[in-house]
Amino acid sequence: MTDSGALVVRGRLVQPARVVDDGVVVTFGGRVTFAGSVPDAVAAGHGPLVESVPPAPETYVLPGLVDLHNHGGGGVSFPDVTSSAAALAGVLEHRRHGTTTLLASLVTARPEVLLDRAAVLAELAEAGEIEGLHAEGPFLSHRRRGAHNPADLQEGSVDLVRDLAAAARGFLRTMTIAAEVPGVAGPGGAAEALVDAGVLPSLGHTDGSTEQAEALIAQVTKALAGRGGTLGPMTATHLFNGMRPLHHRTPGPIAACLAAASRGDMVVELIGDGVHLDPATVRSVFDMVGADQVALVTDAMAAAGVADGHYDLGPMSVMVLDGVARIADAADTAGDGEGPIAGGTAHLIDVVRCAVAGGVPLPDAVRSATAVPARVLGLAGEVGCLAPGARADLLVTDADLRPVRVLRHGADVGVDVDVAGA
């Protein structure tokens, strides 16, 4: 309901540590002015406005979701777009499902292609349609490359970091790097250049040892602290996926990432869509490191929200069958009898739903898809929360966590029945 410019949304309000069974959010001018229980809203002077809206116990009210790792959707591949108008269709596919803040992710490609795509996507960031860019590669492990083109992988390059940051016009927010790739870690390496450019390094697609991962984490953590906390914390790109598996005699990077997350030096991404990770793995990581050190992500590609079939992911051809995307006609590099997974096809609310179904408490799953990634982006209190002064980004779902309404800056995005049932 609206009254003199105010907007009221009532339902089961999901807050960081609890669910308020009869909660309400009041917004004005695109900002949240109140979020809490109905009695508290009445006590705060919002009584006539709030009481005119009937209770909605069959719905949840969440902050707008924040996705740090997203390659596209609705048939649109961000690594392949040649215009910002084309890219916007992919952004809107996820926005209609409740993701109101998003990083558009690139994949490994030739340097000139990366610079061109970064310039295109920077237009969307300048227009406020996305928060910025994530570059996944090209300083990645050949062995743990996953869906990345091996011909375009390269050693760490300070020059490419600087060129890419310039092409993105200040909107390159994160970059995935492998600790063991020459030119990445150590003084004068790409990791150092990223922090200098205001870009958050993310450890991923790595076959490195625990010691190599620990050294990079320590280097980046120290460098981030030197910037006064304006960046960070460091992240791990889709933990477990694209990494040397955890083994009791050769623990590899996963052990280092879990340890760093447990002490607060890292936020680990989890693609908790039921395809990339078993729900028990997701639940176990939440139990080990806590929801405040986990960011749920989609790693979505063009097929998110649309039919199975053939798609492009940068220079790679992808086949989607039964909602699972894999590199077409690829060798079994992971040793699981199938070609490499090539991104996700879920929306972030689907990942939240899957995590909850797997035993993660609803407030924790929502926090890891909202406030935690917002903190990574330096946007704590601005997005990913429902608190006075925050941007009025809201997702209303039914009891099964399926979208029924989305607002961004206090304006309806336009979820319809077909989208809500997707």
Protein backbone atom coordinates (compact mmCIF):
# COMPACT_ATOMS: atom_id res chain seq x y z
CA MET A 1 0.00 0.00 0.00
CA THR A 2 1.11 3.59 -0.58
CA ASP A 3 -0.01 6.82 1.08
CA SER A 4 1.45 10.23 0.28
CA GLY A 5 4.51 8.57 -1.22
CA ALA A 6 5.00 6.00 1.56
CA LEU A 7 4.88 2.30 0.75
CA VAL A 8 4.04 -0.50 3.19
CA VAL A 9 4.85 -4.19 2.73
CA ARG A 10 3.55 -6.63 5.34
CA GLY A 11 4.34 -10.31 5.85
CA ARG A 12 6.72 -12.64 7.67
CA LEU A 13 9.77 -10.39 7.86
CA VAL A 14 13.12 -12.19 7.53
CA GLN A 15 15.65 -10.35 9.66
CA PRO A 16 19.34 -11.28 10.12
CA ALA A 17 18.76 -13.50 13.17
CA ARG A 18 15.03 -14.23 13.22
CA VAL A 19 11.74 -14.21 11.37
CA VAL A 20 9.11 -11.73 12.59
CA ASP A 21 5.81 -13.49 12.00
CA ASP A 22 3.84 -10.27 11.55
CA GLY A 23 6.36 -7.80 10.25
CA VAL A 24 6.24 -4.69 8.14
CA VAL A 25 8.55 -2.58 6.01
CA VAL A 26 7.77 1.08 5.43
CA THR A 27 9.59 2.93 2.66
CA PHE A 28 9.60 6.51 1.43
CA GLY A 29 11.49 8.05 -1.46
CA GLY A 30 13.14 4.78 -2.37
CA ARG A 31 14.56 4.26 1.15
CA VAL A 32 13.52 2.13 4.10
CA THR A 33 12.13 4.19 6.98
CA PHE A 34 11.03 1.33 9.24
CA ALA A 35 11.38 -2.46 9.38
CA GLY A 36 10.15 -4.57 12.28
CA SER A 37 7.07 -5.94 13.98
CA VAL A 38 3.65 -4.41 13.51
CA PRO A 39 3.37 -3.43 17.21
CA ASP A 40 6.73 -1.67 17.01
CA ALA A 41 5.62 0.08 13.83
CA VAL A 42 2.50 1.34 15.58
CA ALA A 43 4.60 2.54 18.51
CA ALA A 44 6.87 4.37 16.05
CA GLY A 45 3.94 6.36 14.70
CA HIS A 46 3.13 4.31 11.60
CA GLY A 47 -0.12 2.93 13.02
CA PRO A 48 -2.76 4.27 10.60
CA LEU A 49 -0.67 3.38 7.57
CA VAL A 50 0.38 -0.08 8.77
CA GLU A 51 -2.99 -1.14 10.16
CA SER A 52 -4.65 -0.44 6.82
CA VAL A 53 -2.63 -3.31 5.32
CA PRO A 54 -3.93 -6.79 6.20
CA PRO A 55 -1.59 -9.42 7.67
CA ALA A 56 0.07 -11.71 5.11
CA PRO A 57 1.24 -14.79 7.05
CA GLU A 58 1.55 -16.76 3.82
CA THR A 59 4.36 -14.55 2.50
CA TYR A 60 7.97 -13.80 3.44
CA VAL A 61 9.53 -10.33 3.10
CA LEU A 62 13.27 -10.43 2.37
CA PRO A 63 15.88 -7.85 1.44
CA GLY A 64 16.67 -7.76 -2.26
CA LEU A 65 19.25 -10.44 -3.06
CA VAL A 66 22.91 -9.69 -3.93
CA ASP A 67 24.76 -11.97 -6.39
CA LEU A 68 28.56 -11.69 -6.59
CA HIS A 69 28.98 -14.22 -9.41
CA ASN A 70 26.64 -14.20 -12.39
CA HIS A 71 27.42 -14.77 -16.09
CA GLY A 72 23.92 -14.11 -17.42
CA GLY A 73 20.40 -15.41 -17.83
CA GLY A 74 17.29 -15.20 -19.96
CA GLY A 75 19.33 -16.36 -22.96
CA VAL A 76 21.91 -13.58 -22.49
CA SER A 77 25.60 -14.31 -21.79
CA PHE A 78 27.45 -11.39 -20.22
CA PRO A 79 30.83 -12.58 -21.57
CA ASP A 80 29.41 -12.43 -25.10
CA VAL A 81 27.36 -9.21 -25.20
CA THR A 82 28.27 -6.46 -27.61
CA SER A 83 25.84 -3.83 -26.29
CA SER A 84 24.62 -2.74 -22.88
CA ALA A 85 21.03 -3.04 -24.09
CA ALA A 86 21.54 -6.73 -24.80
CA ALA A 87 23.17 -7.26 -21.41
CA LEU A 88 20.29 -5.56 -19.60
CA ALA A 89 17.93 -8.36 -20.60
CA GLY A 90 20.07 -10.79 -18.63
CA VAL A 91 20.12 -8.47 -15.63
CA LEU A 92 16.34 -8.16 -15.69
CA GLU A 93 15.92 -11.94 -15.81
CA HIS A 94 17.52 -12.15 -12.37
CA ARG A 95 15.99 -8.93 -11.05
CA ARG A 96 12.47 -10.25 -11.68
CA HIS A 97 13.40 -13.15 -9.41
CA GLY A 98 14.60 -10.93 -6.58
CA THR A 99 18.28 -10.26 -7.30
CA THR A 100 18.35 -6.47 -7.07
CA THR A 101 22.16 -6.10 -6.87
CA LEU A 102 24.41 -8.03 -9.23
CA LEU A 103 27.96 -8.30 -10.50
CA ALA A 104 28.17 -9.25 -14.18
CA SER A 105 30.85 -11.92 -14.54
CA LEU A 106 33.25 -12.37 -17.44
CA VAL A 107 35.09 -15.59 -18.29
CA THR A 108 38.61 -16.23 -19.57
CA ALA A 109 39.09 -14.87 -23.08
CA ARG A 110 41.68 -13.07 -25.17
CA PRO A 111 42.76 -9.78 -23.58
CA GLU A 112 41.18 -7.66 -26.31
CA VAL A 113 37.85 -9.44 -25.82
CA LEU A 114 37.96 -8.95 -22.06
CA LEU A 115 38.63 -5.24 -22.49
CA ASP A 116 35.79 -4.86 -24.99
CA ARG A 117 33.24 -6.70 -22.80
CA ALA A 118 34.34 -4.76 -19.74
CA ALA A 119 33.70 -1.48 -21.55
CA VAL A 120 30.21 -2.64 -22.59
CA LEU A 121 29.22 -3.80 -19.12
CA ALA A 122 30.65 -0.66 -17.52
CA GLU A 123 27.86 1.24 -19.29
CA LEU A 124 25.31 -0.75 -17.29
CA ALA A 125 27.20 -0.03 -14.08
CA GLU A 126 27.31 3.68 -14.85
CA ALA A 127 23.54 3.56 -15.41
CA GLY A 128 23.03 1.90 -12.03
CA GLU A 129 21.66 -1.33 -13.49
CA ILE A 130 24.49 -3.49 -12.08
CA GLU A 131 26.91 -2.90 -9.24
CA GLY A 132 29.96 -3.74 -11.31
CA LEU A 133 31.98 -6.51 -12.91
CA HIS A 134 33.64 -9.73 -11.82
CA ALA A 135 36.44 -11.10 -14.00
CA GLU A 136 36.75 -14.87 -13.66
CA GLY A 137 40.20 -15.39 -15.15
CA PRO A 138 42.42 -15.50 -17.12
CA PHE A 139 45.06 -16.11 -14.37
CA LEU A 140 43.73 -19.59 -13.57
CA SER A 141 44.98 -23.16 -13.24
CA HIS A 142 45.03 -25.15 -16.45
CA ARG A 143 44.17 -28.33 -14.56
CA ARG A 144 41.27 -26.77 -12.61
CA ARG A 145 40.07 -24.54 -15.42
CA GLY A 146 36.54 -26.00 -15.54
CA ALA A 147 34.65 -24.25 -18.33
CA HIS A 148 37.46 -21.80 -19.18
CA ASN A 149 39.17 -21.93 -22.56
CA PRO A 150 42.67 -23.41 -22.03
CA ALA A 151 44.09 -21.48 -24.99
CA ASP A 152 43.30 -18.16 -23.27
CA LEU A 153 44.69 -18.93 -19.82
CA GLN A 154 47.83 -16.96 -19.00
CA GLU A 155 50.28 -16.02 -16.27
CA GLY A 156 49.50 -13.14 -13.98
CA SER A 157 49.90 -9.78 -15.71
CA VAL A 158 49.97 -6.46 -13.92
CA ASP A 159 49.49 -4.71 -17.26
CA LEU A 160 46.29 -6.65 -17.99
CA VAL A 161 44.98 -5.90 -14.50
CA ARG A 162 45.50 -2.21 -15.05
CA ASP A 163 44.07 -2.27 -18.58
CA LEU A 164 41.00 -4.20 -17.46
CA ALA A 165 40.38 -1.90 -14.51
CA ALA A 166 40.65 1.09 -16.84
CA ALA A 167 38.30 -0.44 -19.42
CA ALA A 168 35.75 -1.09 -16.66
CA ARG A 169 35.99 2.59 -15.67
CA GLY A 170 36.27 1.87 -11.96
CA PHE A 171 33.57 -0.81 -11.91
CA LEU A 172 35.79 -3.90 -11.86
CA ARG A 173 34.95 -5.10 -8.36
CA THR A 174 36.40 -8.63 -8.09
CA MET A 175 38.75 -10.92 -10.02
CA THR A 176 39.30 -14.66 -9.65
CA ILE A 177 42.95 -15.70 -9.52
CA ALA A 178 44.87 -18.92 -8.77
CA ALA A 179 47.63 -18.61 -6.15
CA GLU A 180 50.07 -20.96 -7.89
CA VAL A 181 49.97 -19.36 -11.34
CA PRO A 182 53.23 -17.50 -12.00
CA GLY A 183 52.93 -13.74 -11.72
CA VAL A 184 49.93 -13.80 -9.36
CA ALA A 185 51.26 -13.88 -5.79
CA GLY A 186 54.17 -12.09 -4.17
CA PRO A 187 55.52 -8.55 -4.42
CA GLY A 188 54.79 -6.91 -7.76
CA GLY A 189 52.30 -9.59 -8.78
CA ALA A 190 48.76 -9.43 -10.13
CA ALA A 191 47.16 -9.83 -6.68
CA GLU A 192 48.98 -6.76 -5.43
CA ALA A 193 48.01 -4.83 -8.57
CA LEU A 194 44.36 -5.73 -8.05
CA VAL A 195 44.26 -4.33 -4.54
CA ASP A 196 46.12 -1.21 -5.72
CA ALA A 197 43.41 -0.77 -8.36
CA GLY A 198 40.62 -1.13 -5.80
CA VAL A 199 39.68 -4.61 -7.00
CA LEU A 200 39.05 -7.50 -4.62
CA PRO A 201 41.07 -10.65 -5.40
CA SER A 202 39.16 -13.94 -5.17
CA LEU A 203 40.95 -17.29 -4.90
CA GLY A 204 39.59 -19.87 -7.31
CA HIS A 205 40.15 -22.30 -10.18
CA THR A 206 43.29 -23.39 -8.38
CA ASP A 207 45.31 -26.58 -8.09
CA GLY A 208 47.67 -25.03 -5.58
CA SER A 209 48.77 -26.32 -2.21
CA THR A 210 47.51 -25.28 1.18
CA GLU A 211 50.71 -23.31 1.69
CA GLN A 212 50.31 -21.42 -1.60
CA ALA A 213 46.71 -20.55 -0.75
CA GLU A 214 47.66 -19.48 2.78
CA ALA A 215 50.42 -17.23 1.48
CA LEU A 216 48.11 -15.51 -1.00
CA ILE A 217 45.38 -15.07 1.61
CA ALA A 218 47.88 -13.57 4.05
CA GLN A 219 49.26 -11.23 1.37
CA VAL A 220 45.85 -10.02 0.26
CA THR A 221 44.50 -9.69 3.81
CA LYS A 222 47.46 -7.51 4.76
CA ALA A 223 47.07 -5.40 1.62
CA LEU A 224 43.35 -4.94 2.23
CA ALA A 225 43.98 -3.88 5.82
CA GLY A 226 46.37 -1.26 4.46
CA ARG A 227 43.47 0.32 2.60
CA GLY A 228 41.59 0.94 5.83
CA GLY A 229 38.86 -1.62 5.28
CA THR A 230 37.43 -0.01 2.15
CA LEU A 231 37.69 -3.34 0.32
CA GLY A 232 37.04 -6.84 1.36
CA PRO A 233 37.13 -9.26 2.88
CA MET A 234 38.81 -11.49 0.30
CA THR A 235 36.61 -14.16 -1.23
CA ALA A 236 36.97 -17.71 -2.50
CA THR A 237 35.35 -18.26 -5.88
CA HIS A 238 32.76 -21.08 -5.63
CA LEU A 239 34.50 -23.09 -2.91
CA PHE A 240 35.07 -26.77 -3.86
CA ASN A 241 34.22 -26.23 -7.53
CA GLY A 242 37.28 -25.65 -9.72
CA MET A 243 39.65 -26.56 -6.88
CA ARG A 244 41.90 -29.43 -5.95
CA PRO A 245 39.68 -31.67 -3.76
CA LEU A 246 40.25 -31.79 -0.02
CA HIS A 247 42.31 -34.86 0.94
CA HIS A 248 43.64 -35.76 4.36
CA ARG A 249 47.24 -36.01 3.14
CA THR A 250 47.11 -33.21 0.56
CA PRO A 251 44.50 -30.76 1.87
CA GLY A 252 45.02 -28.20 -0.90
CA PRO A 253 43.35 -24.78 -1.06
CA ILE A 254 40.00 -25.79 0.43
CA ALA A 255 41.50 -26.30 3.89
CA ALA A 256 43.16 -22.89 3.72
CA CYS A 257 39.93 -21.21 2.64
CA LEU A 258 37.87 -22.81 5.41
CA ALA A 259 40.46 -21.83 8.00
CA ALA A 260 40.58 -18.25 6.70
CA ALA A 261 36.79 -18.01 6.71
CA SER A 262 36.58 -19.37 10.25
CA ARG A 263 38.86 -16.59 11.51
CA GLY A 264 37.07 -13.88 9.51
CA ASP A 265 39.70 -13.29 6.81
CA MET A 266 37.64 -14.67 3.91
CA VAL A 267 34.11 -15.04 2.63
CA VAL A 268 33.58 -18.28 0.71
CA GLU A 269 31.19 -18.46 -2.21
CA LEU A 270 28.94 -21.53 -2.39
CA ILE A 271 26.90 -22.46 -5.47
CA GLY A 272 24.24 -24.17 -3.37
CA ASP A 273 21.96 -25.08 -6.25
CA GLY A 274 21.91 -28.84 -5.66
CA VAL A 275 24.03 -29.42 -8.78
CA HIS A 276 27.43 -27.94 -7.94
CA LEU A 277 27.33 -29.00 -4.28
CA ASP A 278 25.40 -31.52 -2.25
CA PRO A 279 23.10 -29.75 0.24
CA ALA A 280 24.94 -31.51 3.08
CA THR A 281 28.17 -29.84 1.96
CA VAL A 282 26.47 -26.45 2.03
CA ARG A 283 25.01 -27.09 5.47
CA SER A 284 28.37 -28.29 6.80
CA VAL A 285 30.19 -25.16 5.63
CA PHE A 286 27.56 -22.96 7.30
CA ASP A 287 28.07 -24.96 10.50
CA MET A 288 31.87 -24.68 10.27
CA VAL A 289 32.44 -21.04 9.42
CA GLY A 290 29.08 -19.37 10.09
CA ALA A 291 26.66 -17.61 7.79
CA ASP A 292 28.55 -14.33 8.04
CA GLN A 293 31.48 -15.85 6.14
CA VAL A 294 29.41 -17.48 3.37
CA ALA A 295 28.11 -15.84 0.19
CA LEU A 296 25.55 -17.86 -1.73
CA VAL A 297 25.98 -17.31 -5.49
CA THR A 298 24.46 -18.62 -8.71
CA ASP A 299 27.39 -18.69 -11.16
CA ALA A 300 24.45 -18.39 -13.56
CA MET A 301 24.93 -18.51 -17.32
CA ALA A 302 22.66 -17.67 -20.25
CA ALA A 303 20.32 -20.63 -19.72
CA ALA A 304 19.09 -19.39 -16.32
CA GLY A 305 15.33 -19.02 -16.63
CA VAL A 306 15.07 -20.44 -20.15
CA ALA A 307 15.00 -23.80 -21.91
CA ASP A 308 17.65 -26.48 -22.25
CA GLY A 309 19.81 -26.34 -25.38
CA HIS A 310 23.09 -25.05 -26.76
CA TYR A 311 24.57 -21.81 -25.43
CA ASP A 312 27.83 -19.87 -25.57
CA LEU A 313 29.92 -19.01 -22.51
CA GLY A 314 32.64 -16.80 -23.89
CA PRO A 315 34.65 -18.88 -26.39
CA MET A 316 33.22 -22.17 -25.06
CA SER A 317 30.17 -24.07 -26.32
CA VAL A 318 27.79 -25.27 -23.60
CA MET A 319 25.05 -27.89 -23.65
CA VAL A 320 22.28 -27.63 -21.06
CA LEU A 321 20.33 -30.81 -20.35
CA ASP A 322 17.79 -31.13 -17.54
CA GLY A 323 18.93 -27.76 -16.25
CA VAL A 324 22.60 -28.78 -15.92
CA ALA A 325 25.12 -26.87 -18.05
CA ARG A 326 28.27 -28.65 -19.23
CA ILE A 327 30.96 -27.90 -21.77
CA ALA A 328 29.88 -29.58 -25.01
CA ASP A 329 32.02 -32.50 -26.20
CA ALA A 330 34.60 -31.89 -23.46
CA ALA A 331 36.98 -34.33 -21.85
CA ASP A 332 36.34 -35.54 -18.31
CA THR A 333 38.81 -33.22 -16.54
CA ALA A 334 37.15 -33.60 -13.13
CA GLY A 335 37.20 -37.39 -13.16
CA ASP A 336 33.48 -37.72 -12.47
CA GLY A 337 32.58 -39.39 -15.76
CA GLU A 338 31.14 -36.22 -17.34
CA GLY A 339 32.33 -33.00 -18.93
CA PRO A 340 32.98 -29.93 -16.76
CA ILE A 341 30.01 -28.05 -15.33
CA ALA A 342 29.72 -24.72 -17.14
CA GLY A 343 27.96 -22.45 -14.68
CA GLY A 344 24.49 -22.58 -13.14
CA THR A 345 20.96 -22.22 -14.40
CA ALA A 346 19.32 -21.18 -11.12
CA HIS A 347 18.29 -17.78 -9.78
CA LEU A 348 19.64 -16.76 -6.39
CA ILE A 349 16.30 -17.29 -4.65
CA ASP A 350 16.44 -20.89 -5.92
CA VAL A 351 19.84 -21.27 -4.24
CA VAL A 352 18.40 -19.87 -1.00
CA ARG A 353 15.48 -22.29 -1.22
CA CYS A 354 17.83 -25.23 -1.82
CA ALA A 355 20.00 -24.26 1.16
CA VAL A 356 16.97 -24.03 3.43
CA ALA A 357 15.66 -27.38 2.21
CA GLY A 358 19.11 -28.82 3.04
CA GLY A 359 18.91 -27.70 6.66
CA VAL A 360 20.33 -24.15 6.69
CA PRO A 361 18.13 -21.88 8.84
CA LEU A 362 16.18 -19.40 6.75
CA PRO A 363 17.67 -16.24 8.34
CA ASP A 364 21.18 -17.63 7.76
CA ALA A 365 20.54 -18.53 4.12
CA VAL A 366 19.00 -15.12 3.45
CA ARG A 367 21.87 -13.31 5.20
CA SER A 368 24.37 -15.15 3.02
CA ALA A 369 22.52 -14.03 -0.10
CA THR A 370 22.08 -10.42 1.04
CA ALA A 371 24.07 -8.79 3.86
CA VAL A 372 27.24 -10.85 3.42
CA PRO A 373 27.78 -10.16 -0.30
CA ALA A 374 26.80 -6.54 0.33
CA ARG A 375 29.62 -6.34 2.89
CA VAL A 376 32.05 -7.81 0.39
CA LEU A 377 31.13 -5.02 -2.01
CA GLY A 378 31.47 -2.33 0.65
CA LEU A 379 27.72 -1.74 0.61
CA ALA A 380 26.79 -2.80 4.15
CA GLY A 381 23.75 -0.83 5.29
CA GLU A 382 23.00 0.29 1.73
CA VAL A 383 21.74 -2.93 0.11
CA GLY A 384 21.16 -6.48 1.30
CA CYS A 385 19.31 -5.37 4.43
CA LEU A 386 15.99 -3.92 5.56
CA ALA A 387 17.03 -1.20 7.98
CA PRO A 388 16.26 2.52 8.18
CA GLY A 389 18.20 4.39 5.52
CA ALA A 390 18.86 1.36 3.33
CA ARG A 391 17.84 1.29 -0.29
CA ALA A 392 14.27 0.04 -0.58
CA ASP A 393 15.07 -3.24 -2.34
CA LEU A 394 12.61 -5.94 -1.30
CA LEU A 395 11.72 -9.46 -2.34
CA VAL A 396 8.32 -10.84 -1.34
CA THR A 397 7.90 -14.61 -1.71
CA ASP A 398 5.23 -17.15 -1.04
CA ALA A 399 5.58 -19.75 1.71
CA ASP A 400 7.73 -21.86 -0.63
CA LEU A 401 10.20 -19.00 -1.23
CA ARG A 402 8.97 -18.34 -4.76
CA PRO A 403 8.90 -14.67 -5.83
CA VAL A 404 5.57 -12.86 -5.93
CA ARG A 405 6.81 -9.25 -5.79
CA VAL A 406 10.12 -7.44 -6.23
CA LEU A 407 10.88 -3.79 -5.51
CA ARG A 408 14.08 -1.93 -6.35
CA HIS A 409 14.61 1.62 -5.12
CA GLY A 410 11.04 1.30 -3.84
CA ALA A 411 9.59 0.71 -7.32
CA ASP A 412 7.93 -2.50 -8.46
CA VAL A 413 10.05 -4.52 -10.87
CA GLY A 414 7.07 -6.40 -12.26
CA VAL A 415 7.05 -10.04 -11.21
CA ASP A 416 4.10 -11.85 -12.77
CA VAL A 417 2.52 -15.24 -12.20
CA ASP A 418 4.56 -16.94 -14.91
CA VAL A 419 7.86 -15.67 -13.51
CA ALA A 420 6.86 -16.45 -9.94
CA GLY A 421 6.18 -20.04 -10.90
CA ALA A 422 9.42 -20.51 -12.81
